[in-house]
């Protein structure tokens, strides 16, 4: 699915009690854990949409949260982003690095939901 359809899919997972959206990955540990899960548990090496674009300002990548996307290795594949105004949406590419992509490309999606913690009295 294209990026906008992917985002709508993620947002549609919301059951009203919490917000869901495309994933925001601002941390190397999270990125490594996610990629290891994709490769070793899902066995699905392919491109996935995640929650950042440079649509508002070419070359300035922002997460859906409004924070700046880290612009160096280990996140981005060498020589990425490279698509100028033709590739304005962020993917985790099949090699495990960030890459820019044309927003209408058909890729998978990685959705994010808040972690829910429940406590109960065991007495």
PDB file of N, CA and C in Angstrom:
ATOM      1  N   UNK A   1       0.834  -1.182   0.000  1.00  0.00           N
ATOM      2  CA  UNK A   1       0.000   0.000   0.000  1.00  0.00           C
ATOM      3  C   UNK A   1       0.876   1.242   0.000  1.00  0.00           C
ATOM      4  N   UNK A   2       0.360   2.324  -0.536  1.00  0.00           N
ATOM      5  CA  UNK A   2       1.074   3.589  -0.511  1.00  0.00           C
ATOM      6  C   UNK A   2       1.162   4.128   0.910  1.00  0.00           C
ATOM      7  N   UNK A   3       1.997   5.129   1.114  1.00  0.00           N
ATOM      8  CA  UNK A   3       2.235   5.652   2.457  1.00  0.00           C
ATOM      9  C   UNK A   3       0.971   6.208   3.097  1.00  0.00           C
ATOM     10  N   UNK A   4       0.176   6.983   2.364  1.00  0.00           N
ATOM     11  CA  UNK A   4      -1.033   7.564   2.950  1.00  0.00           C
ATOM     12  C   UNK A   4      -2.049   6.484   3.312  1.00  0.00           C
ATOM     13  N   UNK A   5      -2.199   5.471   2.450  1.00  0.00           N
ATOM     14  CA  UNK A   5      -3.082   4.348   2.777  1.00  0.00           C
ATOM     15  C   UNK A   5      -2.544   3.573   3.976  1.00  0.00           C
ATOM     16  N   UNK A   6      -1.219   3.439   4.037  1.00  0.00           N
ATOM     17  CA  UNK A   6      -0.601   2.768   5.177  1.00  0.00           C
ATOM     18  C   UNK A   6      -0.859   3.508   6.479  1.00  0.00           C
ATOM     19  N   UNK A   7      -0.750   4.818   6.418  1.00  0.00           N
ATOM     20  CA  UNK A   7      -1.017   5.617   7.622  1.00  0.00           C
ATOM     21  C   UNK A   7      -2.476   5.476   8.037  1.00  0.00           C
ATOM     22  N   UNK A   8      -3.388   5.517   7.070  1.00  0.00           N
ATOM     23  CA  UNK A   8      -4.811   5.350   7.385  1.00  0.00           C
ATOM     24  C   UNK A   8      -5.066   3.970   7.997  1.00  0.00           C
ATOM     25  N   UNK A   9      -4.381   2.957   7.479  1.00  0.00           N
ATOM     26  CA  UNK A   9      -4.512   1.609   8.042  1.00  0.00           C
ATOM     27  C   UNK A   9      -4.083   1.607   9.510  1.00  0.00           C
ATOM     28  N   UNK A  10      -2.907   2.172   9.787  1.00  0.00           N
ATOM     29  CA  UNK A  10      -2.409   2.213  11.169  1.00  0.00           C
ATOM     30  C   UNK A  10      -3.370   2.969  12.078  1.00  0.00           C
ATOM     31  N   UNK A  11      -3.845   4.114  11.622  1.00  0.00           N
ATOM     32  CA  UNK A  11      -4.769   4.906  12.437  1.00  0.00           C
ATOM     33  C   UNK A  11      -6.084   4.162  12.657  1.00  0.00           C
ATOM     34  N   UNK A  12      -6.462   3.326  11.701  1.00  0.00           N
ATOM     35  CA  UNK A  12      -7.688   2.543  11.823  1.00  0.00           C
ATOM     36  C   UNK A  12      -7.610   1.425  12.851  1.00  0.00           C
ATOM     37  N   UNK A  13      -6.409   1.102  13.321  1.00  0.00           N
ATOM     38  CA  UNK A  13      -6.251   0.079  14.358  1.00  0.00           C
ATOM     39  C   UNK A  13      -6.665   0.594  15.732  1.00  0.00           C
ATOM     40  N   UNK A  14      -6.876   1.896  15.837  1.00  0.00           N
ATOM     41  CA  UNK A  14      -7.267   2.542  17.093  1.00  0.00           C
ATOM     42  C   UNK A  14      -8.660   2.072  17.488  1.00  0.00           C
ATOM     43  N   UNK A  15      -8.769   1.563  18.698  1.00  0.00           N
ATOM     44  CA  UNK A  15     -10.084   1.125  19.182  1.00  0.00           C
ATOM     45  C   UNK A  15     -10.787   2.194  20.017  1.00  0.00           C
ATOM     46  N   UNK A  16     -10.247   3.407  20.006  1.00  0.00           N
ATOM     47  CA  UNK A  16     -10.841   4.500  20.763  1.00  0.00           C
ATOM     48  C   UNK A  16     -10.187   4.742  22.107  1.00  0.00           C
ATOM     49  N   UNK A  17      -9.410   3.779  22.588  1.00  0.00           N
ATOM     50  CA  UNK A  17      -8.781   3.948  23.898  1.00  0.00           C
ATOM     51  C   UNK A  17      -7.334   4.422  23.807  1.00  0.00           C
ATOM     52  N   UNK A  18      -6.753   4.375  22.604  1.00  0.00           N
ATOM     53  CA  UNK A  18      -5.379   4.836  22.424  1.00  0.00           C
ATOM     54  C   UNK A  18      -5.156   5.180  20.957  1.00  0.00           C
ATOM     55  N   UNK A  19      -4.151   6.002  20.687  1.00  0.00           N
ATOM     56  CA  UNK A  19      -3.844   6.436  19.324  1.00  0.00           C
ATOM     57  C   UNK A  19      -2.833   5.486  18.678  1.00  0.00           C
ATOM     58  N   UNK A  20      -3.050   5.186  17.419  1.00  0.00           N
ATOM     59  CA  UNK A  20      -2.115   4.383  16.634  1.00  0.00           C
ATOM     60  C   UNK A  20      -1.736   5.175  15.389  1.00  0.00           C
ATOM     61  N   UNK A  21      -0.521   4.940  14.884  1.00  0.00           N
ATOM     62  CA  UNK A  21      -0.053   5.650  13.695  1.00  0.00           C
ATOM     63  C   UNK A  21       1.152   4.905  13.138  1.00  0.00           C
ATOM     64  N   UNK A  22       1.714   5.425  12.057  1.00  0.00           N
ATOM     65  CA  UNK A  22       2.969   4.879  11.555  1.00  0.00           C
ATOM     66  C   UNK A  22       4.036   5.010  12.640  1.00  0.00           C
ATOM     67  N   UNK A  23       4.976   4.086  12.658  1.00  0.00           N
ATOM     68  CA  UNK A  23       6.005   4.044  13.699  1.00  0.00           C
ATOM     69  C   UNK A  23       6.969   5.221  13.608  1.00  0.00           C
ATOM     70  N   UNK A  24       7.373   5.704  14.769  1.00  0.00           N
ATOM     71  CA  UNK A  24       8.408   6.724  14.924  1.00  0.00           C
ATOM     72  C   UNK A  24       9.589   6.033  15.601  1.00  0.00           C
ATOM     73  N   UNK A  25      10.754   6.050  14.944  1.00  0.00           N
ATOM     74  CA  UNK A  25      11.927   5.315  15.430  1.00  0.00           C
ATOM     75  C   UNK A  25      13.073   6.297  15.614  1.00  0.00           C
ATOM     76  N   UNK A  26      13.267   6.743  16.835  1.00  0.00           N
ATOM     77  CA  UNK A  26      14.264   7.773  17.119  1.00  0.00           C
ATOM     78  C   UNK A  26      15.470   7.237  17.876  1.00  0.00           C
ATOM     79  N   UNK A  27      15.582   5.941  18.018  1.00  0.00           N
ATOM     80  CA  UNK A  27      16.567   5.354  18.914  1.00  0.00           C
ATOM     81  C   UNK A  27      17.187   4.117  18.259  1.00  0.00           C
ATOM     82  N   UNK A  28      18.504   3.996  18.318  1.00  0.00           N
ATOM     83  CA  UNK A  28      19.214   2.866  17.695  1.00  0.00           C
ATOM     84  C   UNK A  28      18.781   1.528  18.275  1.00  0.00           C
ATOM     85  N   UNK A  29      18.566   1.474  19.568  1.00  0.00           N
ATOM     86  CA  UNK A  29      18.171   0.217  20.205  1.00  0.00           C
ATOM     87  C   UNK A  29      16.814  -0.251  19.683  1.00  0.00           C
ATOM     88  N   UNK A  30      15.877   0.684  19.556  1.00  0.00           N
ATOM     89  CA  UNK A  30      14.557   0.349  19.015  1.00  0.00           C
ATOM     90  C   UNK A  30      14.688  -0.094  17.563  1.00  0.00           C
ATOM     91  N   UNK A  31      15.477   0.628  16.781  1.00  0.00           N
ATOM     92  CA  UNK A  31      15.683   0.276  15.375  1.00  0.00           C
ATOM     93  C   UNK A  31      16.268  -1.129  15.250  1.00  0.00           C
ATOM     94  N   UNK A  32      17.292  -1.436  16.019  1.00  0.00           N
ATOM     95  CA  UNK A  32      17.914  -2.757  15.957  1.00  0.00           C
ATOM     96  C   UNK A  32      16.951  -3.856  16.388  1.00  0.00           C
ATOM     97  N   UNK A  33      16.204  -3.620  17.441  1.00  0.00           N
ATOM     98  CA  UNK A  33      15.232  -4.614  17.907  1.00  0.00           C
ATOM     99  C   UNK A  33      14.150  -4.846  16.864  1.00  0.00           C
ATOM    100  N   UNK A  34      13.661  -3.769  16.283  1.00  0.00           N
ATOM    101  CA  UNK A  34      12.626  -3.878  15.256  1.00  0.00           C
ATOM    102  C   UNK A  34      13.138  -4.651  14.053  1.00  0.00           C
ATOM    103  N   UNK A  35      14.330  -4.311  13.573  1.00  0.00           N
ATOM    104  CA  UNK A  35      14.866  -4.987  12.393  1.00  0.00           C
ATOM    105  C   UNK A  35      15.129  -6.464  12.685  1.00  0.00           C
ATOM    106  N   UNK A  36      15.654  -6.778  13.856  1.00  0.00           N
ATOM    107  CA  UNK A  36      15.866  -8.182  14.220  1.00  0.00           C
ATOM    108  C   UNK A  36      14.553  -8.948  14.250  1.00  0.00           C
ATOM    109  N   UNK A  37      13.491  -8.319  14.744  1.00  0.00           N
ATOM    110  CA  UNK A  37      12.174  -8.947  14.746  1.00  0.00           C
ATOM    111  C   UNK A  37      11.695  -9.202  13.322  1.00  0.00           C
ATOM    112  N   UNK A  38      11.839  -8.202  12.458  1.00  0.00           N
ATOM    113  CA  UNK A  38      11.407  -8.343  11.061  1.00  0.00           C
ATOM    114  C   UNK A  38      12.151  -9.487  10.378  1.00  0.00           C
ATOM    115  N   UNK A  39      13.456  -9.534  10.543  1.00  0.00           N
ATOM    116  CA  UNK A  39      14.280 -10.526   9.843  1.00  0.00           C
ATOM    117  C   UNK A  39      14.135 -11.917  10.449  1.00  0.00           C
ATOM    118  N   UNK A  40      14.212 -12.013  11.769  1.00  0.00           N
ATOM    119  CA  UNK A  40      14.293 -13.326  12.402  1.00  0.00           C
ATOM    120  C   UNK A  40      12.949 -13.920  12.806  1.00  0.00           C
ATOM    121  N   UNK A  41      11.975 -13.102  13.111  1.00  0.00           N
ATOM    122  CA  UNK A  41      10.662 -13.622  13.518  1.00  0.00           C
ATOM    123  C   UNK A  41       9.664 -13.621  12.365  1.00  0.00           C
ATOM    124  N   UNK A  42       9.600 -12.508  11.654  1.00  0.00           N
ATOM    125  CA  UNK A  42       8.661 -12.420  10.531  1.00  0.00           C
ATOM    126  C   UNK A  42       9.229 -12.998   9.247  1.00  0.00           C
ATOM    127  N   UNK A  43      10.566 -12.963   9.121  1.00  0.00           N
ATOM    128  CA  UNK A  43      11.240 -13.398   7.896  1.00  0.00           C
ATOM    129  C   UNK A  43      10.682 -12.660   6.679  1.00  0.00           C
ATOM    130  N   UNK A  44      10.522 -11.332   6.808  1.00  0.00           N
ATOM    131  CA  UNK A  44       9.918 -10.502   5.755  1.00  0.00           C
ATOM    132  C   UNK A  44      10.807  -9.314   5.424  1.00  0.00           C
ATOM    133  N   UNK A  45      11.896  -9.557   4.713  1.00  0.00           N
ATOM    134  CA  UNK A  45      12.748  -8.451   4.265  1.00  0.00           C
ATOM    135  C   UNK A  45      12.070  -7.768   3.085  1.00  0.00           C
ATOM    136  N   UNK A  46      11.598  -6.561   3.324  1.00  0.00           N
ATOM    137  CA  UNK A  46      10.968  -5.760   2.279  1.00  0.00           C
ATOM    138  C   UNK A  46      10.980  -4.319   2.761  1.00  0.00           C
ATOM    139  N   UNK A  47      10.507  -3.412   1.957  1.00  0.00           N
ATOM    140  CA  UNK A  47      10.415  -2.016   2.383  1.00  0.00           C
ATOM    141  C   UNK A  47       9.143  -1.815   3.196  1.00  0.00           C
ATOM    142  N   UNK A  48       9.264  -0.976   4.242  1.00  0.00           N
ATOM    143  CA  UNK A  48       8.138  -0.662   5.117  1.00  0.00           C
ATOM    144  C   UNK A  48       8.044   0.842   5.307  1.00  0.00           C
ATOM    145  N   UNK A  49       6.826   1.373   5.220  1.00  0.00           N
ATOM    146  CA  UNK A  49       6.609   2.785   5.540  1.00  0.00           C
ATOM    147  C   UNK A  49       6.694   2.987   7.040  1.00  0.00           C
ATOM    148  N   UNK A  50       7.351   4.091   7.435  1.00  0.00           N
ATOM    149  CA  UNK A  50       7.344   4.534   8.823  1.00  0.00           C
ATOM    150  C   UNK A  50       6.981   6.019   8.832  1.00  0.00           C
ATOM    151  N   UNK A  51       6.852   6.601  10.016  1.00  0.00           N
ATOM    152  CA  UNK A  51       6.196   7.899  10.158  1.00  0.00           C
ATOM    153  C   UNK A  51       7.023   9.153  10.035  1.00  0.00           C
ATOM    154  N   UNK A  52       7.648   9.379   8.888  1.00  0.00           N
ATOM    155  CA  UNK A  52       8.359  10.649   8.670  1.00  0.00           C
ATOM    156  C   UNK A  52       8.295  11.038   7.198  1.00  0.00           C
ATOM    157  N   UNK A  53       8.350  12.343   6.953  1.00  0.00           N
ATOM    158  CA  UNK A  53       8.390  12.871   5.584  1.00  0.00           C
ATOM    159  C   UNK A  53       9.257  14.128   5.552  1.00  0.00           C
ATOM    160  N   UNK A  54       9.565  14.533   4.316  1.00  0.00           N
ATOM    161  CA  UNK A  54      10.147  15.870   4.117  1.00  0.00           C
ATOM    162  C   UNK A  54       9.249  16.668   3.175  1.00  0.00           C
ATOM    163  N   UNK A  55       7.941  16.366   3.198  1.00  0.00           N
ATOM    164  CA  UNK A  55       6.972  17.045   2.326  1.00  0.00           C
ATOM    165  C   UNK A  55       6.885  18.544   2.599  1.00  0.00           C
ATOM    166  N   UNK A  56       6.996  18.939   3.862  1.00  0.00           N
ATOM    167  CA  UNK A  56       6.845  20.356   4.213  1.00  0.00           C
ATOM    168  C   UNK A  56       8.047  21.194   3.810  1.00  0.00           C
ATOM    169  N   UNK A  57       9.242  20.599   3.861  1.00  0.00           N
ATOM    170  CA  UNK A  57      10.475  21.316   3.530  1.00  0.00           C
ATOM    171  C   UNK A  57      11.486  20.307   3.000  1.00  0.00           C
ATOM    172  N   UNK A  58      11.732  20.354   1.698  1.00  0.00           N
ATOM    173  CA  UNK A  58      12.619  19.385   1.049  1.00  0.00           C
ATOM    174  C   UNK A  58      13.951  19.275   1.783  1.00  0.00           C
ATOM    175  N   UNK A  59      14.286  18.037   2.143  1.00  0.00           N
ATOM    176  CA  UNK A  59      15.548  17.766   2.818  1.00  0.00           C
ATOM    177  C   UNK A  59      15.496  17.870   4.331  1.00  0.00           C
ATOM    178  N   UNK A  60      14.375  18.367   4.865  1.00  0.00           N
ATOM    179  CA  UNK A  60      14.205  18.444   6.316  1.00  0.00           C
ATOM    180  C   UNK A  60      13.208  17.368   6.731  1.00  0.00           C
ATOM    181  N   UNK A  61      13.739  16.268   7.222  1.00  0.00           N
ATOM    182  CA  UNK A  61      12.917  15.110   7.566  1.00  0.00           C
ATOM    183  C   UNK A  61      12.389  15.242   8.984  1.00  0.00           C
ATOM    184  N   UNK A  62      11.068  15.084   9.117  1.00  0.00           N
ATOM    185  CA  UNK A  62      10.429  15.186  10.427  1.00  0.00           C
ATOM    186  C   UNK A  62       9.529  13.991  10.674  1.00  0.00           C
ATOM    187  N   UNK A  63       9.575  13.524  11.922  1.00  0.00           N
ATOM    188  CA  UNK A  63       8.656  12.482  12.363  1.00  0.00           C
ATOM    189  C   UNK A  63       7.260  13.071  12.518  1.00  0.00           C
ATOM    190  N   UNK A  64       6.272  12.210  12.600  1.00  0.00           N
ATOM    191  CA  UNK A  64       4.894  12.650  12.834  1.00  0.00           C
ATOM    192  C   UNK A  64       4.768  13.430  14.139  1.00  0.00           C
ATOM    193  N   UNK A  65       5.667  13.206  15.058  1.00  0.00           N
ATOM    194  CA  UNK A  65       5.670  13.917  16.340  1.00  0.00           C
ATOM    195  C   UNK A  65       6.199  15.335  16.219  1.00  0.00           C
ATOM    196  N   UNK A  66       6.787  15.681  15.055  1.00  0.00           N
ATOM    197  CA  UNK A  66       7.368  16.998  14.841  1.00  0.00           C
ATOM    198  C   UNK A  66       8.856  17.059  15.118  1.00  0.00           C
ATOM    199  N   UNK A  67       9.429  15.986  15.658  1.00  0.00           N
ATOM    200  CA  UNK A  67      10.866  15.973  15.923  1.00  0.00           C
ATOM    201  C   UNK A  67      11.639  15.659  14.652  1.00  0.00           C
ATOM    202  N   UNK A  68      12.886  16.090  14.635  1.00  0.00           N
ATOM    203  CA  UNK A  68      13.761  15.933  13.476  1.00  0.00           C
ATOM    204  C   UNK A  68      14.258  14.489  13.381  1.00  0.00           C
ATOM    205  N   UNK A  69      14.285  13.938  12.169  1.00  0.00           N
ATOM    206  CA  UNK A  69      14.827  12.599  11.938  1.00  0.00           C
ATOM    207  C   UNK A  69      16.347  12.686  11.963  1.00  0.00           C
ATOM    208  N   UNK A  70      16.962  11.808  12.727  1.00  0.00           N
ATOM    209  CA  UNK A  70      18.421  11.769  12.792  1.00  0.00           C
ATOM    210  C   UNK A  70      18.969  11.558  11.387  1.00  0.00           C
ATOM    211  N   UNK A  71      19.954  12.367  10.993  1.00  0.00           N
ATOM    212  CA  UNK A  71      20.408  12.369   9.612  1.00  0.00           C
ATOM    213  C   UNK A  71      21.709  11.660   9.338  1.00  0.00           C
ATOM    214  N   UNK A  72      22.135  10.792  10.218  1.00  0.00           N
ATOM    215  CA  UNK A  72      23.419  10.136   9.983  1.00  0.00           C
ATOM    216  C   UNK A  72      23.308   8.624  10.159  1.00  0.00           C
ATOM    217  N   UNK A  73      24.425   7.957   9.901  1.00  0.00           N
ATOM    218  CA  UNK A  73      24.513   6.528  10.140  1.00  0.00           C
ATOM    219  C   UNK A  73      24.428   6.355  11.655  1.00  0.00           C
ATOM    220  N   UNK A  74      23.805   5.369  12.206  1.00  0.00           N
ATOM    221  CA  UNK A  74      23.498   4.099  11.572  1.00  0.00           C
ATOM    222  C   UNK A  74      22.108   4.010  10.972  1.00  0.00           C
ATOM    223  N   UNK A  75      21.340   5.082  10.986  1.00  0.00           N
ATOM    224  CA  UNK A  75      19.974   4.995  10.488  1.00  0.00           C
ATOM    225  C   UNK A  75      19.881   4.953   8.960  1.00  0.00           C
ATOM    226  N   UNK A  76      20.451   5.946   8.301  1.00  0.00           N
ATOM    227  CA  UNK A  76      20.303   6.082   6.851  1.00  0.00           C
ATOM    228  C   UNK A  76      21.293   5.200   6.098  1.00  0.00           C
ATOM    229  N   UNK A  77      20.839   4.636   4.999  1.00  0.00           N
ATOM    230  CA  UNK A  77      21.728   3.927   4.088  1.00  0.00           C
ATOM    231  C   UNK A  77      22.646   4.967   3.446  1.00  0.00           C
ATOM    232  N   UNK A  78      23.916   4.614   3.162  1.00  0.00           N
ATOM    233  CA  UNK A  78      24.824   5.580   2.526  1.00  0.00           C
ATOM    234  C   UNK A  78      24.202   6.199   1.270  1.00  0.00           C
ATOM    235  N   UNK A  79      24.400   7.484   1.120  1.00  0.00           N
ATOM    236  CA  UNK A  79      23.899   8.280  -0.008  1.00  0.00           C
ATOM    237  C   UNK A  79      22.384   8.432  -0.011  1.00  0.00           C
ATOM    238  N   UNK A  80      21.740   8.175   1.110  1.00  0.00           N
ATOM    239  CA  UNK A  80      20.317   8.418   1.280  1.00  0.00           C
ATOM    240  C   UNK A  80      20.164   9.568   2.268  1.00  0.00           C
ATOM    241  N   UNK A  81      19.134  10.348   2.170  1.00  0.00           N
ATOM    242  CA  UNK A  81      18.107  10.346   1.136  1.00  0.00           C
ATOM    243  C   UNK A  81      18.637  10.902  -0.182  1.00  0.00           C
ATOM    244  N   UNK A  82      18.079  10.422  -1.279  1.00  0.00           N
ATOM    245  CA  UNK A  82      18.587  10.835  -2.588  1.00  0.00           C
ATOM    246  C   UNK A  82      17.504  11.207  -3.591  1.00  0.00           C
ATOM    247  N   UNK A  83      16.250  11.247  -3.180  1.00  0.00           N
ATOM    248  CA  UNK A  83      15.169  11.386  -4.138  1.00  0.00           C
ATOM    249  C   UNK A  83      14.676  12.776  -4.434  1.00  0.00           C
ATOM    250  N   UNK A  84      15.312  13.795  -3.925  1.00  0.00           N
ATOM    251  CA  UNK A  84      14.867  15.180  -4.084  1.00  0.00           C
ATOM    252  C   UNK A  84      13.365  15.275  -3.837  1.00  0.00           C
ATOM    253  N   UNK A  85      12.661  16.042  -4.638  1.00  0.00           N
ATOM    254  CA  UNK A  85      11.236  16.243  -4.374  1.00  0.00           C
ATOM    255  C   UNK A  85      10.359  15.107  -4.895  1.00  0.00           C
ATOM    256  N   UNK A  86      10.962  14.060  -5.429  1.00  0.00           N
ATOM    257  CA  UNK A  86      10.196  12.922  -5.934  1.00  0.00           C
ATOM    258  C   UNK A  86      10.011  11.829  -4.875  1.00  0.00           C
ATOM    259  N   UNK A  87      10.844  11.826  -3.832  1.00  0.00           N
ATOM    260  CA  UNK A  87      10.781  10.792  -2.797  1.00  0.00           C
ATOM    261  C   UNK A  87      10.721  11.473  -1.434  1.00  0.00           C
ATOM    262  N   UNK A  88       9.513  11.654  -0.938  1.00  0.00           N
ATOM    263  CA  UNK A  88       9.305  12.463   0.264  1.00  0.00           C
ATOM    264  C   UNK A  88       8.817  11.687   1.482  1.00  0.00           C
ATOM    265  N   UNK A  89       8.824  10.375   1.409  1.00  0.00           N
ATOM    266  CA  UNK A  89       8.341   9.581   2.534  1.00  0.00           C
ATOM    267  C   UNK A  89       9.421   8.601   2.972  1.00  0.00           C
ATOM    268  N   UNK A  90       9.467   8.334   4.270  1.00  0.00           N
ATOM    269  CA  UNK A  90      10.544   7.532   4.836  1.00  0.00           C
ATOM    270  C   UNK A  90      10.172   6.059   4.912  1.00  0.00           C
ATOM    271  N   UNK A  91      11.124   5.222   4.527  1.00  0.00           N
ATOM    272  CA  UNK A  91      10.960   3.775   4.623  1.00  0.00           C
ATOM    273  C   UNK A  91      12.099   3.177   5.432  1.00  0.00           C
ATOM    274  N   UNK A  92      11.832   2.009   5.989  1.00  0.00           N
ATOM    275  CA  UNK A  92      12.915   1.111   6.369  1.00  0.00           C
ATOM    276  C   UNK A  92      13.027   0.189   5.169  1.00  0.00           C
ATOM    277  N   UNK A  93      14.157   0.263   4.486  1.00  0.00           N
ATOM    278  CA  UNK A  93      14.349  -0.509   3.260  1.00  0.00           C
ATOM    279  C   UNK A  93      14.655  -1.969   3.589  1.00  0.00           C
ATOM    280  N   UNK A  94      14.614  -2.805   2.576  1.00  0.00           N
ATOM    281  CA  UNK A  94      14.838  -4.242   2.773  1.00  0.00           C
ATOM    282  C   UNK A  94      16.238  -4.568   3.269  1.00  0.00           C
ATOM    283  N   UNK A  95      17.141  -3.578   3.277  1.00  0.00           N
ATOM    284  CA  UNK A  95      18.487  -3.779   3.817  1.00  0.00           C
ATOM    285  C   UNK A  95      18.589  -3.360   5.282  1.00  0.00           C
ATOM    286  N   UNK A  96      17.488  -2.855   5.852  1.00  0.00           N
ATOM    287  CA  UNK A  96      17.470  -2.490   7.260  1.00  0.00           C
ATOM    288  C   UNK A  96      17.832  -1.056   7.567  1.00  0.00           C
ATOM    289  N   UNK A  97      18.034  -0.234   6.554  1.00  0.00           N
ATOM    290  CA  UNK A  97      18.379   1.175   6.744  1.00  0.00           C
ATOM    291  C   UNK A  97      17.216   2.057   6.327  1.00  0.00           C
ATOM    292  N   UNK A  98      17.236   3.313   6.785  1.00  0.00           N
ATOM    293  CA  UNK A  98      16.277   4.295   6.308  1.00  0.00           C
ATOM    294  C   UNK A  98      16.608   4.654   4.867  1.00  0.00           C
ATOM    295  N   UNK A  99      15.567   4.898   4.087  1.00  0.00           N
ATOM    296  CA  UNK A  99      15.711   5.393   2.718  1.00  0.00           C
ATOM    297  C   UNK A  99      14.471   6.206   2.391  1.00  0.00           C
ATOM    298  N   UNK A 100      14.636   7.180   1.495  1.00  0.00           N
ATOM    299  CA  UNK A 100      13.469   7.926   1.044  1.00  0.00           C
ATOM    300  C   UNK A 100      12.796   7.138  -0.069  1.00  0.00           C
ATOM    301  N   UNK A 101      11.491   7.320  -0.178  1.00  0.00           N
ATOM    302  CA  UNK A 101      10.744   6.620  -1.212  1.00  0.00           C
ATOM    303  C   UNK A 101       9.621   7.487  -1.737  1.00  0.00           C
ATOM    304  N   UNK A 102       9.196   7.199  -2.972  1.00  0.00           N
ATOM    305  CA  UNK A 102       8.029   7.876  -3.532  1.00  0.00           C
ATOM    306  C   UNK A 102       6.806   7.420  -2.738  1.00  0.00           C
ATOM    307  N   UNK A 103       6.042   8.354  -2.240  1.00  0.00           N
ATOM    308  CA  UNK A 103       4.961   8.065  -1.298  1.00  0.00           C
ATOM    309  C   UNK A 103       3.872   7.152  -1.857  1.00  0.00           C
ATOM    310  N   UNK A 104       3.807   7.012  -3.169  1.00  0.00           N
ATOM    311  CA  UNK A 104       2.784   6.156  -3.769  1.00  0.00           C
ATOM    312  C   UNK A 104       3.272   4.726  -4.009  1.00  0.00           C
ATOM    313  N   UNK A 105       4.517   4.428  -3.658  1.00  0.00           N
ATOM    314  CA  UNK A 105       5.037   3.068  -3.818  1.00  0.00           C
ATOM    315  C   UNK A 105       4.269   2.105  -2.915  1.00  0.00           C
ATOM    316  N   UNK A 106       4.164   0.870  -3.355  1.00  0.00           N
ATOM    317  CA  UNK A 106       3.458  -0.160  -2.596  1.00  0.00           C
ATOM    318  C   UNK A 106       4.435  -0.879  -1.671  1.00  0.00           C
ATOM    319  N   UNK A 107       4.392  -0.552  -0.383  1.00  0.00           N
ATOM    320  CA  UNK A 107       5.251  -1.157   0.632  1.00  0.00           C
ATOM    321  C   UNK A 107       4.393  -1.635   1.795  1.00  0.00           C
ATOM    322  N   UNK A 108       5.013  -2.378   2.683  1.00  0.00           N
ATOM    323  CA  UNK A 108       4.363  -2.733   3.937  1.00  0.00           C
ATOM    324  C   UNK A 108       4.355  -1.528   4.863  1.00  0.00           C
ATOM    325  N   UNK A 109       3.756  -1.671   6.025  1.00  0.00           N
ATOM    326  CA  UNK A 109       3.733  -0.591   7.017  1.00  0.00           C
ATOM    327  C   UNK A 109       4.144  -1.136   8.378  1.00  0.00           C
ATOM    328  N   UNK A 110       4.740  -0.264   9.169  1.00  0.00           N
ATOM    329  CA  UNK A 110       5.018  -0.577  10.566  1.00  0.00           C
ATOM    330  C   UNK A 110       4.231   0.422  11.395  1.00  0.00           C
ATOM    331  N   UNK A 111       3.306  -0.099  12.173  1.00  0.00           N
ATOM    332  CA  UNK A 111       2.440   0.740  12.995  1.00  0.00           C
ATOM    333  C   UNK A 111       2.948   0.766  14.435  1.00  0.00           C
ATOM    334  N   UNK A 112       2.564   1.809  15.124  1.00  0.00           N
ATOM    335  CA  UNK A 112       2.975   1.995  16.514  1.00  0.00           C
ATOM    336  C   UNK A 112       1.756   2.283  17.370  1.00  0.00           C
ATOM    337  N   UNK A 113       1.729   1.661  18.529  1.00  0.00           N
ATOM    338  CA  UNK A 113       0.688   1.915  19.522  1.00  0.00           C
ATOM    339  C   UNK A 113       1.370   2.063  20.875  1.00  0.00           C
ATOM    340  N   UNK A 114       0.762   2.786  21.790  1.00  0.00           N
ATOM    341  CA  UNK A 114       1.386   2.933  23.108  1.00  0.00           C
ATOM    342  C   UNK A 114       1.417   1.599  23.850  1.00  0.00           C
ATOM    343  N   UNK A 115       2.421   1.449  24.698  1.00  0.00           N
ATOM    344  CA  UNK A 115       2.513   0.265  25.544  1.00  0.00           C
ATOM    345  C   UNK A 115       1.511   0.431  26.676  1.00  0.00           C
ATOM    346  N   UNK A 116       0.716  -0.560  26.869  1.00  0.00           N
ATOM    347  CA  UNK A 116      -0.279  -0.518  27.934  1.00  0.00           C
ATOM    348  C   UNK A 116       0.241  -1.317  29.125  1.00  0.00           C
ATOM    349  N   UNK A 117       0.195  -0.733  30.285  1.00  0.00           N
ATOM    350  CA  UNK A 117       0.612  -1.410  31.505  1.00  0.00           C
ATOM    351  C   UNK A 117      -0.596  -1.523  32.423  1.00  0.00           C
ATOM    352  N   UNK A 118      -0.821  -2.719  32.909  1.00  0.00           N
ATOM    353  CA  UNK A 118      -1.944  -2.944  33.807  1.00  0.00           C
ATOM    354  C   UNK A 118      -1.419  -3.476  35.132  1.00  0.00           C
ATOM    355  N   UNK A 119      -1.863  -2.894  36.206  1.00  0.00           N
ATOM    356  CA  UNK A 119      -1.516  -3.366  37.542  1.00  0.00           C
ATOM    357  C   UNK A 119      -2.784  -3.892  38.193  1.00  0.00           C
ATOM    358  N   UNK A 120      -2.613  -4.925  38.964  1.00  0.00           N
ATOM    359  CA  UNK A 120      -3.766  -5.390  39.723  1.00  0.00           C
ATOM    360  C   UNK A 120      -3.281  -5.872  41.081  1.00  0.00           C
ATOM    361  N   UNK A 121      -4.133  -5.821  42.013  1.00  0.00           N
ATOM    362  CA  UNK A 121      -3.825  -6.251  43.365  1.00  0.00           C
ATOM    363  C   UNK A 121      -3.905  -7.768  43.410  1.00  0.00           C
ATOM    364  N   UNK A 122      -2.827  -8.403  43.804  1.00  0.00           N
ATOM    365  CA  UNK A 122      -2.786  -9.860  43.831  1.00  0.00           C
ATOM    366  C   UNK A 122      -3.176 -10.431  45.191  1.00  0.00           C
ATOM    367  N   UNK A 123      -3.638  -9.603  46.090  1.00  0.00           N
ATOM    368  CA  UNK A 123      -4.034 -10.080  47.423  1.00  0.00           C
ATOM    369  C   UNK A 123      -5.396 -10.712  47.395  1.00  0.00           C
TER     370      UNK A 123
END
